[in-house]
Amino acid sequence: MGREHVIQVENLPVALVCAITAATYLTGLALAFLLDNVTRFLFDIEWLLTSAFGFVSGFSIIFSMKRLSEAVLELKPLLNLRD
């Protein structure tokens, strides 16, 4: 009896992307607060830059994970090896 190798990518990317996006955005916010303590007069600019960094990183991760999941789905028939 052969073993079937199954990769489930339908649910993983959504949860992973949400976690990475939230972590990236929160890191950007934490960086903004740290930079605010060092240089108060640049706080508005730093807040905008770090928030933009969080959003851009999140969207790039979403698109790369989408492409990765599509590639894995295309390779799925090749990964179903039979003994």
Protein backbone atom coordinates (compact mmCIF):
# COMPACT_ATOMS: atom_id res chain seq x y z
CA MET A 1 0.00 0.00 0.00
CA GLY A 2 1.51 3.31 -1.04
CA ARG A 3 1.80 6.36 1.14
CA GLU A 4 0.16 9.52 -0.08
CA HIS A 5 1.99 12.80 0.48
CA VAL A 6 -0.54 15.59 0.93
CA ILE A 7 0.30 19.25 1.37
CA GLN A 8 -2.55 21.41 2.61
CA VAL A 9 -1.89 25.01 1.62
CA GLU A 10 -5.46 26.24 1.52
CA ASN A 11 -5.63 27.33 5.19
CA LEU A 12 -1.95 27.89 6.01
CA PRO A 13 -1.17 31.01 3.95
CA VAL A 14 -4.10 33.03 5.32
CA ALA A 15 -3.18 32.45 8.96
CA LEU A 16 0.52 32.84 8.28
CA VAL A 17 0.05 36.05 6.31
CA CYS A 18 -2.18 37.51 9.01
CA ALA A 19 0.36 36.70 11.72
CA ILE A 20 3.34 38.05 9.77
CA THR A 21 1.47 41.19 8.71
CA ALA A 22 0.37 41.91 12.27
CA ALA A 23 3.88 41.31 13.62
CA THR A 24 5.43 43.53 10.96
CA TYR A 25 2.96 46.34 11.56
CA LEU A 26 3.35 46.14 15.35
CA THR A 27 7.12 46.20 14.93
CA GLY A 28 6.76 49.33 12.84
CA LEU A 29 4.61 50.95 15.51
CA ALA A 30 7.08 49.99 18.24
CA LEU A 31 9.90 51.47 16.16
CA ALA A 32 7.91 54.68 15.77
CA PHE A 33 7.44 54.95 19.54
CA LEU A 34 11.13 54.28 20.18
CA LEU A 35 12.18 56.87 17.63
CA ASP A 36 9.71 59.32 19.15
CA ASN A 37 11.57 59.17 22.45
CA VAL A 38 14.86 59.95 20.69
CA THR A 39 13.71 62.68 18.31
CA ARG A 40 10.35 64.24 19.10
CA PHE A 41 10.33 66.78 16.29
CA LEU A 42 10.43 64.04 13.61
CA PHE A 43 7.69 61.94 15.16
CA ASP A 44 5.08 62.61 12.47
CA ILE A 45 7.46 61.69 9.65
CA GLU A 46 8.71 58.59 11.46
CA TRP A 47 5.17 57.48 12.24
CA LEU A 48 4.20 57.74 8.57
CA LEU A 49 7.34 55.97 7.37
CA THR A 50 7.10 53.07 9.79
CA SER A 51 3.37 52.66 9.20
CA ALA A 52 3.97 52.66 5.44
CA PHE A 53 6.75 50.09 5.94
CA GLY A 54 4.35 47.85 7.84
CA PHE A 55 1.65 48.06 5.19
CA VAL A 56 4.03 47.59 2.25
CA SER A 57 5.69 44.61 3.94
CA GLY A 58 2.31 43.08 4.70
CA PHE A 59 1.07 43.43 1.14
CA SER A 60 4.30 42.08 -0.35
CA ILE A 61 4.08 39.07 1.98
CA ILE A 62 0.45 38.47 0.97
CA PHE A 63 1.30 38.49 -2.74
CA SER A 64 4.40 36.30 -2.33
CA MET A 65 2.47 33.77 -0.22
CA LYS A 66 -0.30 33.71 -2.83
CA ARG A 67 2.22 32.96 -5.58
CA LEU A 68 3.91 30.34 -3.42
CA SER A 69 0.62 28.57 -2.70
CA GLU A 70 -0.26 28.59 -6.41
CA ALA A 71 3.14 27.10 -7.25
CA VAL A 72 2.73 24.38 -4.62
CA LEU A 73 -0.73 23.54 -5.95
CA GLU A 74 0.74 23.18 -9.45
CA LEU A 75 3.45 20.87 -8.10
CA LYS A 76 1.05 18.86 -5.95
CA PRO A 77 0.51 16.09 -8.56
CA LEU A 78 4.28 15.63 -8.78
CA LEU A 79 4.56 15.36 -4.99
CA ASN A 80 2.10 12.46 -4.78
CA LEU A 81 4.80 9.82 -4.90
CA ARG A 82 3.93 6.16 -5.01
CA ASP A 83 6.05 3.40 -3.49
